[in-house]
Amino acid sequence: MELNKENQSIEEYLKKNDEIIQALQDENDTLVAKQYDLFLKKLRELDPFIQYIKSKGIYFSHPENDLLTKIGPIIGYNDNEYYIYSLKEGKVKVKTKYSLDDKEDMSIYTFIAKYDFEKIMLSLEHIRQIPKLHADQLKHIVEQRKKWVEQFS
């Protein structure tokens, strides 16, 4: 009789735990959906910058690495991969650093569920800086060319 009582206690514990897990999973899913909406809202807010960058043929960059791309904003990276939001396809392109083969694309929703949302949003915010960074880079190139012209004239 003792064993049966213990099994019933275990079953009650596991059932209660399962209810807790389900509630937390539901809340997590709701929050991921809200983050997805925030991502799309931020993209709409940044659209004038994105259109300017695309129309001028400027590369998208990231503040923490040296990758450049025309595909779209670089929204994350790790030691082996870069994650680029494809403006044309509306999904995340996974580019590997040390291979010519790309991994399978993923939806932005899936990416948000797996990746650090703060890093995603800070990466998007970098888009505002790209036009100025491009101008600064061109200014540096022009100054260097002037020096060469003077030096070799």
Protein backbone atom coordinates (compact mmCIF):
# COMPACT_ATOMS: atom_id res chain seq x y z
CA MET A 1 0.00 0.00 0.00
CA GLU A 2 2.87 2.39 0.70
CA LEU A 3 4.25 2.04 -2.81
CA ASN A 4 0.89 2.92 -4.38
CA LYS A 5 0.63 6.05 -2.22
CA GLU A 6 4.16 7.06 -3.22
CA ASN A 7 3.37 6.54 -6.92
CA GLN A 8 0.24 8.67 -6.58
CA SER A 9 2.35 11.41 -4.98
CA ILE A 10 4.86 11.24 -7.83
CA GLU A 11 2.08 11.40 -10.41
CA GLU A 12 0.56 14.44 -8.71
CA TYR A 13 3.97 16.12 -8.58
CA LEU A 14 4.63 15.43 -12.27
CA LYS A 15 1.15 16.58 -13.28
CA LYS A 16 1.59 19.84 -11.34
CA ASN A 17 5.03 20.33 -12.87
CA ASP A 18 3.61 19.70 -16.35
CA GLU A 19 0.98 22.39 -15.76
CA ILE A 20 3.69 24.85 -14.72
CA ILE A 21 5.78 24.03 -17.79
CA GLN A 22 2.79 24.43 -20.11
CA ALA A 23 1.89 27.82 -18.60
CA LEU A 24 5.47 29.01 -18.97
CA GLN A 25 5.65 27.72 -22.55
CA ASP A 26 2.43 29.56 -23.41
CA GLU A 27 3.80 32.77 -21.89
CA ASN A 28 7.09 32.31 -23.75
CA ASP A 29 5.23 31.85 -27.05
CA THR A 30 3.23 35.02 -26.40
CA LEU A 31 6.41 36.98 -25.68
CA VAL A 32 8.16 35.68 -28.82
CA ALA A 33 5.14 36.83 -30.84
CA LYS A 34 5.40 40.29 -29.24
CA GLN A 35 9.12 40.41 -30.02
CA TYR A 36 8.36 39.45 -33.62
CA ASP A 37 5.91 42.37 -33.84
CA LEU A 38 8.53 44.71 -32.35
CA PHE A 39 11.06 43.53 -34.93
CA LEU A 40 8.66 44.27 -37.79
CA LYS A 41 7.80 47.66 -36.27
CA LYS A 42 11.50 48.53 -36.04
CA LEU A 43 12.02 47.51 -39.68
CA ARG A 44 9.18 49.81 -40.75
CA GLU A 45 10.68 52.64 -38.68
CA LEU A 46 14.07 52.10 -40.31
CA ASP A 47 12.70 51.73 -43.84
CA PRO A 48 13.84 55.23 -45.00
CA PHE A 49 17.42 54.35 -43.95
CA ILE A 50 17.18 50.89 -45.54
CA GLN A 51 15.86 52.31 -48.83
CA TYR A 52 18.58 54.95 -48.86
CA ILE A 53 21.29 52.34 -48.24
CA LYS A 54 19.92 50.10 -51.00
CA SER A 55 19.45 52.94 -53.50
CA LYS A 56 23.03 54.15 -53.04
CA GLY A 57 24.51 50.66 -53.29
CA ILE A 58 25.95 50.90 -49.78
CA TYR A 59 26.72 47.70 -47.94
CA PHE A 60 25.01 46.76 -44.68
CA SER A 61 27.46 46.33 -41.82
CA HIS A 62 27.45 45.39 -38.16
CA PRO A 63 29.07 47.42 -35.37
CA GLU A 64 30.94 44.43 -33.91
CA ASN A 65 32.44 42.69 -36.95
CA ASP A 66 33.73 43.41 -40.44
CA LEU A 67 31.16 41.59 -42.55
CA LEU A 68 29.59 43.62 -45.34
CA THR A 69 26.56 42.55 -47.36
CA LYS A 70 23.95 43.92 -49.73
CA ILE A 71 21.40 41.23 -48.79
CA GLY A 72 20.11 43.18 -45.80
CA PRO A 73 20.82 44.03 -42.17
CA ILE A 74 23.20 41.80 -40.24
CA ILE A 75 21.11 40.96 -37.19
CA GLY A 76 23.44 38.60 -35.37
CA TYR A 77 26.51 36.43 -35.43
CA ASN A 78 28.46 33.89 -33.44
CA ASP A 79 31.88 32.30 -33.82
CA ASN A 80 30.89 30.36 -36.95
CA GLU A 81 27.90 32.07 -38.53
CA TYR A 82 26.40 35.39 -39.57
CA TYR A 83 22.65 35.99 -39.58
CA ILE A 84 21.43 38.38 -42.24
CA TYR A 85 17.84 39.51 -42.64
CA SER A 86 17.10 39.18 -46.34
CA LEU A 87 15.01 42.19 -47.33
CA LYS A 88 14.02 40.47 -50.57
CA GLU A 89 12.93 37.17 -49.03
CA GLY A 90 11.83 38.29 -45.55
CA LYS A 91 13.80 35.58 -43.78
CA VAL A 92 17.13 35.05 -42.09
CA LYS A 93 20.03 33.90 -44.26
CA VAL A 94 22.59 31.91 -42.32
CA LYS A 95 26.08 32.45 -43.73
CA THR A 96 28.94 30.35 -42.45
CA LYS A 97 32.30 32.04 -41.93
CA TYR A 98 34.60 29.28 -43.08
CA SER A 99 32.59 27.62 -45.81
CA LEU A 100 31.15 28.58 -49.16
CA ASP A 101 28.07 26.54 -48.32
CA ASP A 102 25.29 28.37 -46.54
CA LYS A 103 23.06 26.73 -44.02
CA GLU A 104 19.32 26.52 -44.46
CA ASP A 105 17.43 29.81 -44.14
CA MET A 106 15.10 30.30 -41.20
CA SER A 107 12.07 32.43 -40.54
CA ILE A 108 12.57 35.60 -38.53
CA TYR A 109 10.11 34.21 -35.98
CA THR A 110 12.28 31.12 -35.45
CA PHE A 111 15.41 33.26 -35.27
CA ILE A 112 13.86 35.54 -32.64
CA ALA A 113 12.82 32.50 -30.60
CA LYS A 114 16.42 31.19 -30.59
CA TYR A 115 18.62 34.30 -30.54
CA ASP A 116 19.24 37.14 -28.07
CA PHE A 117 16.51 39.68 -28.87
CA GLU A 118 18.45 42.61 -27.44
CA LYS A 119 21.33 41.89 -29.82
CA ILE A 120 18.92 41.66 -32.74
CA MET A 121 17.41 45.06 -31.96
CA LEU A 122 20.78 46.72 -31.33
CA SER A 123 21.98 45.32 -34.66
CA LEU A 124 18.97 46.85 -36.39
CA GLU A 125 19.58 50.16 -34.66
CA HIS A 126 23.04 50.22 -36.30
CA ILE A 127 21.31 50.79 -39.65
CA ARG A 128 20.87 54.45 -38.66
CA GLN A 129 24.66 54.86 -38.56
CA ILE A 130 25.48 53.25 -41.92
CA PRO A 131 24.95 56.34 -44.15
CA LYS A 132 27.24 58.45 -41.94
CA LEU A 133 29.83 55.67 -41.73
CA HIS A 134 29.81 55.43 -45.51
CA ALA A 135 30.31 59.20 -45.85
CA ASP A 136 33.17 59.09 -43.32
CA GLN A 137 34.82 56.26 -45.24
CA LEU A 138 34.53 58.16 -48.53
CA LYS A 139 35.92 61.28 -46.90
CA HIS A 140 38.95 59.30 -45.74
CA ILE A 141 39.45 57.87 -49.25
CA VAL A 142 39.20 61.34 -50.83
CA GLU A 143 41.73 62.77 -48.37
CA GLN A 144 44.14 59.91 -49.09
CA ARG A 145 43.80 60.39 -52.85
CA LYS A 146 44.47 64.15 -52.47
CA LYS A 147 47.68 63.32 -50.58
CA TRP A 148 48.77 60.95 -53.33
CA VAL A 149 48.02 63.52 -56.05
CA GLU A 150 50.09 66.14 -54.18
CA GLN A 151 52.84 63.64 -53.41
CA PHE A 152 53.24 62.49 -57.01
CA SER A 153 52.59 65.75 -58.85
